[in-house]
Amino acid sequence: GRQWHLIYLDAARAQLVSSGDGETVAVIDTGVDSAHVDLVGNILAGVVTYVGPGRTTNASHDLDGHGTGMAGDIAAHGHGVRSGALGIAPDAKILPIADTDDTGHATDSAMATSIQYATQHGAKVISISQGGVSSSPSLAAAVAAAQESDVVVVAAAGDRSEGDLTVDSPANLPGVIAVTAIGRDGYRIAESVSGPTVMLAAPGVDIASTAPSGGYAEGTGTSDAAAITAGAVALVRSKYPNLSAAEVIHRLTATATDKGPPGRDNEYGYGVINIVAALTADVPPLSASAGATAPVTDQPASNGSSGAQPARTRSSLPFIIPIVAAGLVLLVIVGWRVARRRTR
């Protein structure tokens, strides 16, 4: 009942179409408590890519609870009858990759290694609710390699409370789904940064989720928004297993509920994720020449039921010419008959 975002996103309806079955989402974070009752069975054996103070070699050891919360946002399955926490993709698997030190911060090298590991171990979705790392060549190369391997990378745009003023790395890298956060009213929260690389927006205020030792906690910020979006990606990939990563991103951006100025903008990107539309709408595919991971779309759909607007791929000129010609013929006939009447 505390998970308002599930109602906002109509998650129950979406999960009738897809539950994320068969998909693996890598959660690059502080670790994930695999023993939590709402996560049992959904957490794979992970890896630790950072070695330092306070960090064990067990990815199931969550240093501060952040990673367990993100895993719950994505793939918690609850327990009993409507008890516990429910994720967006409750049948998806989580590959936990711990890359933080004892303060919860990661380095660009550890994150790059984490992305490489996820790519090499079957994850088709990578969720990164971290920032504060430099956009190093190694990190950019790891993201590019993941995309070339047909992996969708989702990352939090960043929070002002963490000192971010612009979209953080790796969310600012090309092709990454950079996510901003909205509140219960549907508008971007002041805590969330904005910028030209923002692609989507999702709920990110008072998001109730799993916490270590069987607990629950609420979080606010783009971290939860990114994890929720990663869950949406898992649903789409499960429903459409033959779609490329670029087409998956295109489907999400083309069906997003537009906010702010018409079309893409710096606060919401292409709009707020509309999971039901992403799973059910008739979305024209990317053009054959697109080829890049960046989406090529018409303006996103403005509501949750209509889906994407059809791409305008044909000129209207061939249809106008016959109409005009027919009109001219009719005009000549009418003029001729009027002239005959006057002559009589």
C-alpha atoms as a PDB file:
ATOM      1  CA  GLY A   1       0.000   0.000   0.000  1.00  0.00           C
ATOM      2  CA  ARG A   2       2.925   2.378   0.490  1.00  0.00           C
ATOM      3  CA  GLN A   3       4.174   1.787  -3.058  1.00  0.00           C
ATOM      4  CA  TRP A   4       2.224   4.611  -4.710  1.00  0.00           C
ATOM      5  CA  HIS A   5       4.352   4.397  -7.837  1.00  0.00           C
ATOM      6  CA  LEU A   6       2.880   0.990  -8.684  1.00  0.00           C
ATOM      7  CA  ILE A   7      -0.571   2.544  -8.966  1.00  0.00           C
ATOM      8  CA  TYR A   8       0.769   5.601 -10.798  1.00  0.00           C
ATOM      9  CA  LEU A   9       2.422   3.379 -13.414  1.00  0.00           C
ATOM     10  CA  ASP A  10      -0.489   0.884 -13.531  1.00  0.00           C
ATOM     11  CA  ALA A  11       2.014  -1.861 -12.764  1.00  0.00           C
ATOM     12  CA  ALA A  12      -0.671  -4.472 -12.103  1.00  0.00           C
ATOM     13  CA  ARG A  13      -1.996  -4.077 -15.643  1.00  0.00           C
ATOM     14  CA  ALA A  14       1.511  -4.112 -17.105  1.00  0.00           C
ATOM     15  CA  GLN A  15       2.423  -7.301 -15.242  1.00  0.00           C
ATOM     16  CA  LEU A  16      -0.538  -9.085 -16.813  1.00  0.00           C
ATOM     17  CA  VAL A  17       1.313  -8.612 -20.095  1.00  0.00           C
ATOM     18  CA  SER A  18       4.893  -9.174 -18.899  1.00  0.00           C
ATOM     19  CA  SER A  19       6.528  -9.957 -15.564  1.00  0.00           C
ATOM     20  CA  GLY A  20      10.156  -9.885 -16.676  1.00  0.00           C
ATOM     21  CA  ASP A  21      10.501 -13.640 -16.922  1.00  0.00           C
ATOM     22  CA  GLY A  22      13.757 -14.735 -18.539  1.00  0.00           C
ATOM     23  CA  GLU A  23      15.507 -11.376 -18.084  1.00  0.00           C
ATOM     24  CA  THR A  24      18.609 -10.644 -16.032  1.00  0.00           C
ATOM     25  CA  VAL A  25      19.171  -7.131 -14.704  1.00  0.00           C
ATOM     26  CA  ALA A  26      22.618  -6.257 -13.365  1.00  0.00           C
ATOM     27  CA  VAL A  27      22.407  -3.948 -10.343  1.00  0.00           C
ATOM     28  CA  ILE A  28      25.725  -2.154  -9.988  1.00  0.00           C
ATOM     29  CA  ASP A  29      25.584  -0.765  -6.469  1.00  0.00           C
ATOM     30  CA  THR A  30      26.446  -1.469  -2.837  1.00  0.00           C
ATOM     31  CA  GLY A  31      25.512  -5.148  -2.918  1.00  0.00           C
ATOM     32  CA  VAL A  32      22.141  -6.894  -2.523  1.00  0.00           C
ATOM     33  CA  ASP A  33      20.827  -8.816   0.476  1.00  0.00           C
ATOM     34  CA  SER A  34      19.806 -12.033  -1.270  1.00  0.00           C
ATOM     35  CA  ALA A  35      18.218 -13.422   1.926  1.00  0.00           C
ATOM     36  CA  HIS A  36      15.406 -10.853   1.998  1.00  0.00           C
ATOM     37  CA  VAL A  37      12.065 -12.676   1.917  1.00  0.00           C
ATOM     38  CA  ASP A  38      10.840 -10.516  -1.004  1.00  0.00           C
ATOM     39  CA  LEU A  39      13.970 -11.209  -3.068  1.00  0.00           C
ATOM     40  CA  VAL A  40      14.677 -14.873  -2.356  1.00  0.00           C
ATOM     41  CA  GLY A  41      15.070 -16.808  -5.584  1.00  0.00           C
ATOM     42  CA  ASN A  42      15.534 -13.713  -7.721  1.00  0.00           C
ATOM     43  CA  ILE A  43      19.141 -12.889  -6.800  1.00  0.00           C
ATOM     44  CA  LEU A  44      21.951 -14.568  -8.704  1.00  0.00           C
ATOM     45  CA  ALA A  45      25.492 -15.068  -7.460  1.00  0.00           C
ATOM     46  CA  GLY A  46      27.221 -11.776  -8.055  1.00  0.00           C
ATOM     47  CA  VAL A  47      30.681 -10.313  -7.763  1.00  0.00           C
ATOM     48  CA  VAL A  48      32.591  -7.588  -5.951  1.00  0.00           C
ATOM     49  CA  THR A  49      34.664  -5.332  -8.191  1.00  0.00           C
ATOM     50  CA  TYR A  50      36.038  -3.052  -5.461  1.00  0.00           C
ATOM     51  CA  VAL A  51      38.538  -4.183  -2.878  1.00  0.00           C
ATOM     52  CA  GLY A  52      39.038  -1.821   0.019  1.00  0.00           C
ATOM     53  CA  PRO A  53      38.150  -0.849   3.600  1.00  0.00           C
ATOM     54  CA  GLY A  54      34.852  -2.192   4.882  1.00  0.00           C
ATOM     55  CA  ARG A  55      34.142  -4.247   1.780  1.00  0.00           C
ATOM     56  CA  THR A  56      33.848  -8.034   1.856  1.00  0.00           C
ATOM     57  CA  THR A  57      34.162 -10.241  -1.215  1.00  0.00           C
ATOM     58  CA  ASN A  58      30.480 -11.219  -0.972  1.00  0.00           C
ATOM     59  CA  ALA A  59      28.058  -9.315  -3.238  1.00  0.00           C
ATOM     60  CA  SER A  60      25.218 -10.351  -0.916  1.00  0.00           C
ATOM     61  CA  HIS A  61      26.746  -8.129   1.748  1.00  0.00           C
ATOM     62  CA  ASP A  62      25.044  -4.757   1.298  1.00  0.00           C
ATOM     63  CA  LEU A  63      27.083  -2.016   2.921  1.00  0.00           C
ATOM     64  CA  ASP A  64      24.285   0.488   3.489  1.00  0.00           C
ATOM     65  CA  GLY A  65      21.072  -0.869   1.966  1.00  0.00           C
ATOM     66  CA  HIS A  66      21.055   1.146  -1.234  1.00  0.00           C
ATOM     67  CA  GLY A  67      21.626  -1.786  -3.566  1.00  0.00           C
ATOM     68  CA  THR A  68      18.985  -3.913  -1.844  1.00  0.00           C
ATOM     69  CA  GLY A  69      16.496  -1.084  -2.334  1.00  0.00           C
ATOM     70  CA  MET A  70      17.293  -0.828  -6.038  1.00  0.00           C
ATOM     71  CA  ALA A  71      16.972  -4.593  -6.470  1.00  0.00           C
ATOM     72  CA  GLY A  72      13.573  -4.429  -4.776  1.00  0.00           C
ATOM     73  CA  ASP A  73      12.426  -1.619  -7.071  1.00  0.00           C
ATOM     74  CA  ILE A  74      13.211  -3.891 -10.000  1.00  0.00           C
ATOM     75  CA  ALA A  75      12.436  -7.460  -9.004  1.00  0.00           C
ATOM     76  CA  ALA A  76      10.920  -7.836  -5.530  1.00  0.00           C
ATOM     77  CA  HIS A  77       8.137 -10.433  -5.607  1.00  0.00           C
ATOM     78  CA  GLY A  78       6.528  -9.829  -2.238  1.00  0.00           C
ATOM     79  CA  HIS A  79       5.291 -12.657  -0.047  1.00  0.00           C
ATOM     80  CA  GLY A  80       1.958 -13.969   1.117  1.00  0.00           C
ATOM     81  CA  VAL A  81      -1.182 -12.143   0.013  1.00  0.00           C
ATOM     82  CA  ARG A  82      -0.308  -8.575  -0.973  1.00  0.00           C
ATOM     83  CA  SER A  83       2.458  -8.468   1.621  1.00  0.00           C
ATOM     84  CA  GLY A  84       5.956  -7.043   1.380  1.00  0.00           C
ATOM     85  CA  ALA A  85       7.430  -5.111  -1.526  1.00  0.00           C
ATOM     86  CA  LEU A  86       6.689  -5.600  -5.206  1.00  0.00           C
ATOM     87  CA  GLY A  87       9.072  -4.674  -8.002  1.00  0.00           C
ATOM     88  CA  ILE A  88       8.254  -3.632 -11.549  1.00  0.00           C
ATOM     89  CA  ALA A  89       9.526  -6.951 -12.980  1.00  0.00           C
ATOM     90  CA  PRO A  90       8.943  -9.530 -10.208  1.00  0.00           C
ATOM     91  CA  ASP A  91      10.032 -12.513 -12.313  1.00  0.00           C
ATOM     92  CA  ALA A  92      13.310 -11.000 -13.483  1.00  0.00           C
ATOM     93  CA  LYS A  93      16.654 -12.057 -12.010  1.00  0.00           C
ATOM     94  CA  ILE A  94      19.095  -9.660 -10.381  1.00  0.00           C
ATOM     95  CA  LEU A  95      22.842  -9.940 -10.929  1.00  0.00           C
ATOM     96  CA  PRO A  96      24.358  -8.007  -7.994  1.00  0.00           C
ATOM     97  CA  ILE A  97      27.683  -6.305  -8.626  1.00  0.00           C
ATOM     98  CA  ALA A  98      29.185  -4.473  -5.659  1.00  0.00           C
ATOM     99  CA  ASP A  99      31.605  -1.719  -6.621  1.00  0.00           C
ATOM    100  CA  THR A 100      31.525   0.709  -3.677  1.00  0.00           C
ATOM    101  CA  ASP A 101      33.815   1.412  -0.762  1.00  0.00           C
ATOM    102  CA  ASP A 102      32.669   1.646   2.851  1.00  0.00           C
ATOM    103  CA  THR A 103      31.212   5.119   2.207  1.00  0.00           C
ATOM    104  CA  GLY A 104      28.997   3.888  -0.629  1.00  0.00           C
ATOM    105  CA  HIS A 105      30.998   5.551  -3.400  1.00  0.00           C
ATOM    106  CA  ALA A 106      32.452   3.936  -6.498  1.00  0.00           C
ATOM    107  CA  THR A 107      35.383   4.739  -8.748  1.00  0.00           C
ATOM    108  CA  ASP A 108      35.204   4.974 -12.515  1.00  0.00           C
ATOM    109  CA  SER A 109      37.522   1.982 -12.881  1.00  0.00           C
ATOM    110  CA  ALA A 110      35.431  -0.216 -10.568  1.00  0.00           C
ATOM    111  CA  MET A 111      32.263   0.803 -12.401  1.00  0.00           C
ATOM    112  CA  ALA A 112      33.852   0.074 -15.773  1.00  0.00           C
ATOM    113  CA  THR A 113      34.863  -3.376 -14.534  1.00  0.00           C
ATOM    114  CA  SER A 114      31.319  -3.897 -13.225  1.00  0.00           C
ATOM    115  CA  ILE A 115      29.777  -3.043 -16.595  1.00  0.00           C
ATOM    116  CA  GLN A 116      32.194  -5.394 -18.334  1.00  0.00           C
ATOM    117  CA  TYR A 117      31.299  -8.207 -15.923  1.00  0.00           C
ATOM    118  CA  ALA A 118      27.570  -7.663 -16.417  1.00  0.00           C
ATOM    119  CA  THR A 119      27.963  -7.699 -20.190  1.00  0.00           C
ATOM    120  CA  GLN A 120      29.980 -10.905 -20.107  1.00  0.00           C
ATOM    121  CA  HIS A 121      27.622 -12.718 -17.715  1.00  0.00           C
ATOM    122  CA  GLY A 122      24.283 -12.541 -19.460  1.00  0.00           C
ATOM    123  CA  ALA A 123      22.705  -9.294 -18.297  1.00  0.00           C
ATOM    124  CA  LYS A 124      20.684  -7.596 -21.039  1.00  0.00           C
ATOM    125  CA  VAL A 125      19.788  -4.696 -18.746  1.00  0.00           C
ATOM    126  CA  ILE A 126      22.242  -2.798 -16.544  1.00  0.00           C
ATOM    127  CA  SER A 127      20.885  -0.559 -13.787  1.00  0.00           C
ATOM    128  CA  ILE A 128      23.253   2.037 -12.334  1.00  0.00           C
ATOM    129  CA  SER A 129      21.892   4.205  -9.529  1.00  0.00           C
ATOM    130  CA  GLN A 130      25.308   5.691  -8.860  1.00  0.00           C
ATOM    131  CA  GLY A 131      27.217   8.749  -9.915  1.00  0.00           C
ATOM    132  CA  GLY A 132      30.068  10.925  -8.837  1.00  0.00           C
ATOM    133  CA  VAL A 133      32.574   9.142 -11.058  1.00  0.00           C
ATOM    134  CA  SER A 134      34.651  10.696 -13.797  1.00  0.00           C
ATOM    135  CA  SER A 135      33.785  10.099 -17.439  1.00  0.00           C
ATOM    136  CA  SER A 136      37.005   8.244 -18.051  1.00  0.00           C
ATOM    137  CA  PRO A 137      37.884   6.565 -21.350  1.00  0.00           C
ATOM    138  CA  SER A 138      37.660   3.148 -19.671  1.00  0.00           C
ATOM    139  CA  LEU A 139      34.127   3.840 -18.428  1.00  0.00           C
ATOM    140  CA  ALA A 140      32.999   5.170 -21.803  1.00  0.00           C
ATOM    141  CA  ALA A 141      34.530   2.134 -23.508  1.00  0.00           C
ATOM    142  CA  ALA A 142      32.760  -0.263 -21.120  1.00  0.00           C
ATOM    143  CA  VAL A 143      29.398   1.382 -21.806  1.00  0.00           C
ATOM    144  CA  ALA A 144      30.000   1.341 -25.564  1.00  0.00           C
ATOM    145  CA  ALA A 145      30.976  -2.334 -25.456  1.00  0.00           C
ATOM    146  CA  ALA A 146      27.804  -3.157 -23.509  1.00  0.00           C
ATOM    147  CA  GLN A 147      25.690  -1.377 -26.097  1.00  0.00           C
ATOM    148  CA  GLU A 148      27.466  -3.197 -28.920  1.00  0.00           C
ATOM    149  CA  SER A 149      26.550  -6.433 -27.113  1.00  0.00           C
ATOM    150  CA  ASP A 150      22.854  -5.459 -27.230  1.00  0.00           C
ATOM    151  CA  VAL A 151      22.648  -4.390 -23.574  1.00  0.00           C
ATOM    152  CA  VAL A 152      20.404  -1.534 -22.425  1.00  0.00           C
ATOM    153  CA  VAL A 153      22.189   0.664 -19.879  1.00  0.00           C
ATOM    154  CA  VAL A 154      20.021   2.707 -17.489  1.00  0.00           C
ATOM    155  CA  ALA A 155      21.514   5.286 -15.117  1.00  0.00           C
ATOM    156  CA  ALA A 156      20.352   7.891 -12.622  1.00  0.00           C
ATOM    157  CA  ALA A 157      20.701  11.462 -13.880  1.00  0.00           C
ATOM    158  CA  GLY A 158      21.877  12.653 -10.466  1.00  0.00           C
ATOM    159  CA  ASP A 159      20.610  14.471  -7.363  1.00  0.00           C
ATOM    160  CA  ARG A 160      21.353  18.019  -6.268  1.00  0.00           C
ATOM    161  CA  SER A 161      21.521  16.795  -2.658  1.00  0.00           C
ATOM    162  CA  GLU A 162      24.576  14.813  -3.710  1.00  0.00           C
ATOM    163  CA  GLY A 163      26.202  17.934  -5.159  1.00  0.00           C
ATOM    164  CA  ASP A 164      25.271  17.283  -8.792  1.00  0.00           C
ATOM    165  CA  LEU A 165      24.340  20.289 -10.913  1.00  0.00           C
ATOM    166  CA  THR A 166      24.350  18.598 -14.306  1.00  0.00           C
ATOM    167  CA  VAL A 167      23.625  15.066 -15.504  1.00  0.00           C
ATOM    168  CA  ASP A 168      26.119  12.775 -13.822  1.00  0.00           C
ATOM    169  CA  SER A 169      28.364  10.123 -15.324  1.00  0.00           C
ATOM    170  CA  PRO A 170      27.659   7.505 -16.620  1.00  0.00           C
ATOM    171  CA  ALA A 171      24.156   8.871 -17.344  1.00  0.00           C
ATOM    172  CA  ASN A 172      25.691  11.558 -19.570  1.00  0.00           C
ATOM    173  CA  LEU A 173      27.301   9.020 -21.916  1.00  0.00           C
ATOM    174  CA  PRO A 174      25.793   8.470 -25.391  1.00  0.00           C
ATOM    175  CA  GLY A 175      23.017   5.896 -25.619  1.00  0.00           C
ATOM    176  CA  VAL A 176      22.536   5.533 -21.854  1.00  0.00           C
ATOM    177  CA  ILE A 177      18.949   5.976 -20.618  1.00  0.00           C
ATOM    178  CA  ALA A 178      19.475   8.916 -18.256  1.00  0.00           C
ATOM    179  CA  VAL A 179      16.503   9.120 -15.866  1.00  0.00           C
ATOM    180  CA  THR A 180      15.172  12.056 -13.855  1.00  0.00           C
ATOM    181  CA  ALA A 181      12.719  11.780 -10.961  1.00  0.00           C
ATOM    182  CA  ILE A 182       9.114  12.923 -10.652  1.00  0.00           C
ATOM    183  CA  GLY A 183       6.882  13.248  -7.606  1.00  0.00           C
ATOM    184  CA  ARG A 184       3.325  12.142  -6.921  1.00  0.00           C
ATOM    185  CA  ASP A 185       2.062  15.117  -8.921  1.00  0.00           C
ATOM    186  CA  GLY A 186       3.861  13.903 -12.035  1.00  0.00           C
ATOM    187  CA  TYR A 187       6.350  16.777 -12.182  1.00  0.00           C
ATOM    188  CA  ARG A 188      10.134  16.687 -11.843  1.00  0.00           C
ATOM    189  CA  ILE A 189      11.271  17.113  -8.267  1.00  0.00           C
ATOM    190  CA  ALA A 190      13.637  19.963  -7.422  1.00  0.00           C
ATOM    191  CA  GLU A 191      16.218  17.477  -6.149  1.00  0.00           C
ATOM    192  CA  SER A 192      16.607  15.916  -9.599  1.00  0.00           C
ATOM    193  CA  VAL A 193      19.090  17.441 -12.026  1.00  0.00           C
ATOM    194  CA  SER A 194      18.209  18.054 -15.672  1.00  0.00           C
ATOM    195  CA  GLY A 195      20.166  18.356 -18.888  1.00  0.00           C
ATOM    196  CA  PRO A 196      20.400  17.670 -22.613  1.00  0.00           C
ATOM    197  CA  THR A 197      21.167  13.953 -22.202  1.00  0.00           C
ATOM    198  CA  VAL A 198      18.038  13.180 -20.146  1.00  0.00           C
ATOM    199  CA  MET A 199      16.000  10.514 -21.928  1.00  0.00           C
ATOM    200  CA  LEU A 200      13.152   9.518 -19.559  1.00  0.00           C
ATOM    201  CA  ALA A 201      11.559  10.334 -16.212  1.00  0.00           C
ATOM    202  CA  ALA A 202      10.055   8.034 -13.564  1.00  0.00           C
ATOM    203  CA  PRO A 203       8.685   8.178 -10.006  1.00  0.00           C
ATOM    204  CA  GLY A 204      11.364   9.001  -7.455  1.00  0.00           C
ATOM    205  CA  VAL A 205       9.746  10.281  -4.226  1.00  0.00           C
ATOM    206  CA  ASP A 206       9.066   8.182  -1.128  1.00  0.00           C
ATOM    207  CA  ILE A 207       9.660   4.939  -3.018  1.00  0.00           C
ATOM    208  CA  ALA A 208       9.144   2.079  -0.561  1.00  0.00           C
ATOM    209  CA  SER A 209      11.352  -0.926  -1.194  1.00  0.00           C
ATOM    210  CA  THR A 210      13.381  -3.694   0.380  1.00  0.00           C
ATOM    211  CA  ALA A 211      16.170  -3.096   2.898  1.00  0.00           C
ATOM    212  CA  PRO A 212      18.804  -5.422   4.414  1.00  0.00           C
ATOM    213  CA  SER A 213      17.925  -7.881   7.191  1.00  0.00           C
ATOM    214  CA  GLY A 214      14.354  -8.274   5.989  1.00  0.00           C
ATOM    215  CA  GLY A 215      13.454  -4.641   6.418  1.00  0.00           C
ATOM    216  CA  TYR A 216      11.881  -1.910   4.307  1.00  0.00           C
ATOM    217  CA  ALA A 217      12.808   1.688   3.643  1.00  0.00           C
ATOM    218  CA  GLU A 218      11.759   4.639   1.525  1.00  0.00           C
ATOM    219  CA  GLY A 219      14.033   6.529  -0.837  1.00  0.00           C
ATOM    220  CA  THR A 220      13.821   9.748  -2.802  1.00  0.00           C
ATOM    221  CA  GLY A 221      15.864  10.695  -5.844  1.00  0.00           C
ATOM    222  CA  THR A 222      16.895   9.613  -9.296  1.00  0.00           C
ATOM    223  CA  SER A 223      18.325   6.335  -7.941  1.00  0.00           C
ATOM    224  CA  ASP A 224      14.867   4.849  -7.502  1.00  0.00           C
ATOM    225  CA  ALA A 225      13.653   6.433 -10.754  1.00  0.00           C
ATOM    226  CA  ALA A 226      16.470   4.707 -12.657  1.00  0.00           C
ATOM    227  CA  ALA A 227      15.846   1.327 -11.009  1.00  0.00           C
ATOM    228  CA  ILE A 228      12.116   1.528 -11.759  1.00  0.00           C
ATOM    229  CA  THR A 229      12.950   2.346 -15.375  1.00  0.00           C
ATOM    230  CA  ALA A 230      15.329  -0.617 -15.525  1.00  0.00           C
ATOM    231  CA  GLY A 231      12.432  -2.776 -14.380  1.00  0.00           C
ATOM    232  CA  ALA A 232      10.347  -1.382 -17.231  1.00  0.00           C
ATOM    233  CA  VAL A 233      13.135  -2.243 -19.674  1.00  0.00           C
ATOM    234  CA  ALA A 234      13.130  -5.814 -18.348  1.00  0.00           C
ATOM    235  CA  LEU A 235       9.385  -6.080 -18.973  1.00  0.00           C
ATOM    236  CA  VAL A 236       9.776  -4.883 -22.562  1.00  0.00           C
ATOM    237  CA  ARG A 237      12.732  -7.184 -23.251  1.00  0.00           C
ATOM    238  CA  SER A 238      10.782 -10.133 -21.847  1.00  0.00           C
ATOM    239  CA  LYS A 239       7.696  -9.312 -23.937  1.00  0.00           C
ATOM    240  CA  TYR A 240       9.695  -8.629 -27.116  1.00  0.00           C
ATOM    241  CA  PRO A 241      12.765 -10.909 -26.920  1.00  0.00           C
ATOM    242  CA  ASN A 242      13.718 -10.289 -30.544  1.00  0.00           C
ATOM    243  CA  LEU A 243      13.916  -6.506 -30.237  1.00  0.00           C
ATOM    244  CA  SER A 244      17.403  -5.001 -30.238  1.00  0.00           C
ATOM    245  CA  ALA A 245      18.498  -2.739 -27.416  1.00  0.00           C
ATOM    246  CA  ALA A 246      18.009   0.274 -29.689  1.00  0.00           C
ATOM    247  CA  GLU A 247      14.454  -0.805 -30.507  1.00  0.00           C
ATOM    248  CA  VAL A 248      13.689  -1.351 -26.811  1.00  0.00           C
ATOM    249  CA  ILE A 249      14.829   2.178 -26.019  1.00  0.00           C
ATOM    250  CA  HIS A 250      12.836   3.472 -28.980  1.00  0.00           C
ATOM    251  CA  ARG A 251       9.694   1.718 -27.729  1.00  0.00           C
ATOM    252  CA  LEU A 252      10.058   3.305 -24.289  1.00  0.00           C
ATOM    253  CA  THR A 253      10.736   6.808 -25.585  1.00  0.00           C
ATOM    254  CA  ALA A 254       8.044   6.658 -28.277  1.00  0.00           C
ATOM    255  CA  THR A 255       5.354   5.698 -25.747  1.00  0.00           C
ATOM    256  CA  ALA A 256       6.451   7.956 -22.882  1.00  0.00           C
ATOM    257  CA  THR A 257       3.874  10.416 -21.562  1.00  0.00           C
ATOM    258  CA  ASP A 258       5.080  13.810 -22.727  1.00  0.00           C
ATOM    259  CA  LYS A 259       5.694  16.437 -20.030  1.00  0.00           C
ATOM    260  CA  GLY A 260       6.986  19.973 -20.200  1.00  0.00           C
ATOM    261  CA  PRO A 261       7.464  21.507 -23.660  1.00  0.00           C
ATOM    262  CA  PRO A 262       6.233  19.308 -26.535  1.00  0.00           C
ATOM    263  CA  GLY A 263       8.798  16.714 -27.564  1.00  0.00           C
ATOM    264  CA  ARG A 264      12.099  16.010 -25.818  1.00  0.00           C
ATOM    265  CA  ASP A 265      13.219  18.472 -23.153  1.00  0.00           C
ATOM    266  CA  ASN A 266      15.929  18.681 -20.511  1.00  0.00           C
ATOM    267  CA  GLU A 267      13.661  17.951 -17.530  1.00  0.00           C
ATOM    268  CA  TYR A 268      11.761  14.869 -18.664  1.00  0.00           C
ATOM    269  CA  GLY A 269      13.563  13.751 -21.796  1.00  0.00           C
ATOM    270  CA  TYR A 270      10.932  12.135 -24.009  1.00  0.00           C
ATOM    271  CA  GLY A 271       8.543  11.983 -21.052  1.00  0.00           C
ATOM    272  CA  VAL A 272       7.484   9.877 -18.083  1.00  0.00           C
ATOM    273  CA  ILE A 273       7.662   6.122 -18.653  1.00  0.00           C
ATOM    274  CA  ASN A 274       4.330   4.593 -19.655  1.00  0.00           C
ATOM    275  CA  ILE A 275       4.880   0.892 -19.113  1.00  0.00           C
ATOM    276  CA  VAL A 276       1.503  -0.341 -20.338  1.00  0.00           C
ATOM    277  CA  ALA A 277       1.870   1.605 -23.584  1.00  0.00           C
ATOM    278  CA  ALA A 278       5.446   0.399 -24.016  1.00  0.00           C
ATOM    279  CA  LEU A 279       4.193  -3.187 -23.793  1.00  0.00           C
ATOM    280  CA  THR A 280       1.060  -2.885 -25.902  1.00  0.00           C
ATOM    281  CA  ALA A 281       1.251   0.069 -28.318  1.00  0.00           C
ATOM    282  CA  ASP A 282       1.791  -0.285 -32.050  1.00  0.00           C
ATOM    283  CA  VAL A 283       5.196   1.400 -32.312  1.00  0.00           C
ATOM    284  CA  PRO A 284       6.753   1.932 -35.749  1.00  0.00           C
ATOM    285  CA  PRO A 285      10.302   0.540 -35.782  1.00  0.00           C
ATOM    286  CA  LEU A 286      13.407   2.620 -36.147  1.00  0.00           C
ATOM    287  CA  SER A 287      14.329   3.437 -39.725  1.00  0.00           C
ATOM    288  CA  ALA A 288      16.617   0.907 -41.385  1.00  0.00           C
ATOM    289  CA  SER A 289      19.377   3.490 -41.557  1.00  0.00           C
ATOM    290  CA  ALA A 290      19.207   4.518 -37.900  1.00  0.00           C
ATOM    291  CA  GLY A 291      21.479   1.830 -36.501  1.00  0.00           C
ATOM    292  CA  ALA A 292      22.556   3.887 -33.474  1.00  0.00           C
ATOM    293  CA  THR A 293      21.490   3.359 -29.873  1.00  0.00           C
ATOM    294  CA  ALA A 294      20.072   6.871 -29.668  1.00  0.00           C
ATOM    295  CA  PRO A 295      16.302   6.801 -30.243  1.00  0.00           C
ATOM    296  CA  VAL A 296      14.844   8.112 -33.470  1.00  0.00           C
ATOM    297  CA  THR A 297      11.220   8.919 -32.765  1.00  0.00           C
ATOM    298  CA  ASP A 298       8.284  11.090 -33.582  1.00  0.00           C
ATOM    299  CA  GLN A 299       6.939  13.137 -30.685  1.00  0.00           C
ATOM    300  CA  PRO A 300       6.123  10.731 -27.810  1.00  0.00           C
ATOM    301  CA  ALA A 301       2.506   9.789 -27.166  1.00  0.00           C
ATOM    302  CA  SER A 302       0.790  12.227 -24.826  1.00  0.00           C
ATOM    303  CA  ASN A 303      -1.337   9.703 -22.916  1.00  0.00           C
ATOM    304  CA  GLY A 304      -1.183   6.168 -21.604  1.00  0.00           C
ATOM    305  CA  SER A 305      -3.666   4.493 -23.922  1.00  0.00           C
ATOM    306  CA  SER A 306      -2.989   5.741 -27.393  1.00  0.00           C
ATOM    307  CA  GLY A 307       0.646   4.643 -27.627  1.00  0.00           C
ATOM    308  CA  ALA A 308       3.108   6.146 -30.060  1.00  0.00           C
ATOM    309  CA  GLN A 309       2.106   8.403 -32.892  1.00  0.00           C
ATOM    310  CA  PRO A 310       2.761   6.820 -36.288  1.00  0.00           C
ATOM    311  CA  ALA A 311       5.997   7.948 -37.855  1.00  0.00           C
ATOM    312  CA  ARG A 312       5.519  10.104 -40.944  1.00  0.00           C
ATOM    313  CA  THR A 313       7.488   8.091 -43.446  1.00  0.00           C
ATOM    314  CA  ARG A 314       5.571   8.929 -46.649  1.00  0.00           C
ATOM    315  CA  SER A 315       5.022  12.168 -48.452  1.00  0.00           C
ATOM    316  CA  SER A 316       1.401  13.302 -48.812  1.00  0.00           C
ATOM    317  CA  LEU A 317       2.084  14.709 -52.308  1.00  0.00           C
ATOM    318  CA  PRO A 318       1.122  11.526 -54.251  1.00  0.00           C
ATOM    319  CA  PHE A 319      -2.270  11.576 -52.557  1.00  0.00           C
ATOM    320  CA  ILE A 320      -2.918  15.287 -53.117  1.00  0.00           C
ATOM    321  CA  ILE A 321      -2.261  15.304 -56.893  1.00  0.00           C
ATOM    322  CA  PRO A 322      -5.228  13.039 -57.843  1.00  0.00           C
ATOM    323  CA  ILE A 323      -7.531  14.973 -55.536  1.00  0.00           C
ATOM    324  CA  VAL A 324      -6.586  18.291 -57.109  1.00  0.00           C
ATOM    325  CA  ALA A 325      -6.934  16.849 -60.628  1.00  0.00           C
ATOM    326  CA  ALA A 326     -10.392  15.487 -59.848  1.00  0.00           C
ATOM    327  CA  GLY A 327     -11.409  18.859 -58.472  1.00  0.00           C
ATOM    328  CA  LEU A 328     -10.311  20.624 -61.645  1.00  0.00           C
ATOM    329  CA  VAL A 329     -12.270  18.186 -63.830  1.00  0.00           C
ATOM    330  CA  LEU A 330     -15.385  18.727 -61.712  1.00  0.00           C
ATOM    331  CA  LEU A 331     -14.945  22.489 -61.953  1.00  0.00           C
ATOM    332  CA  VAL A 332     -14.746  22.313 -65.777  1.00  0.00           C
ATOM    333  CA  ILE A 333     -17.910  20.184 -65.987  1.00  0.00           C
ATOM    334  CA  VAL A 334     -19.864  22.514 -63.712  1.00  0.00           C
ATOM    335  CA  GLY A 335     -18.682  25.562 -65.672  1.00  0.00           C
ATOM    336  CA  TRP A 336     -19.671  23.966 -68.985  1.00  0.00           C
ATOM    337  CA  ARG A 337     -23.192  23.150 -67.754  1.00  0.00           C
ATOM    338  CA  VAL A 338     -23.677  26.662 -66.414  1.00  0.00           C
ATOM    339  CA  ALA A 339     -22.534  28.100 -69.737  1.00  0.00           C
ATOM    340  CA  ARG A 340     -25.058  25.910 -71.653  1.00  0.00           C
ATOM    341  CA  ARG A 341     -27.901  27.073 -69.423  1.00  0.00           C
ATOM    342  CA  ARG A 342     -27.038  30.713 -70.059  1.00  0.00           C
ATOM    343  CA  THR A 343     -26.837  30.085 -73.821  1.00  0.00           C
ATOM    344  CA  ARG A 344     -30.318  28.514 -73.829  1.00  0.00           C
END
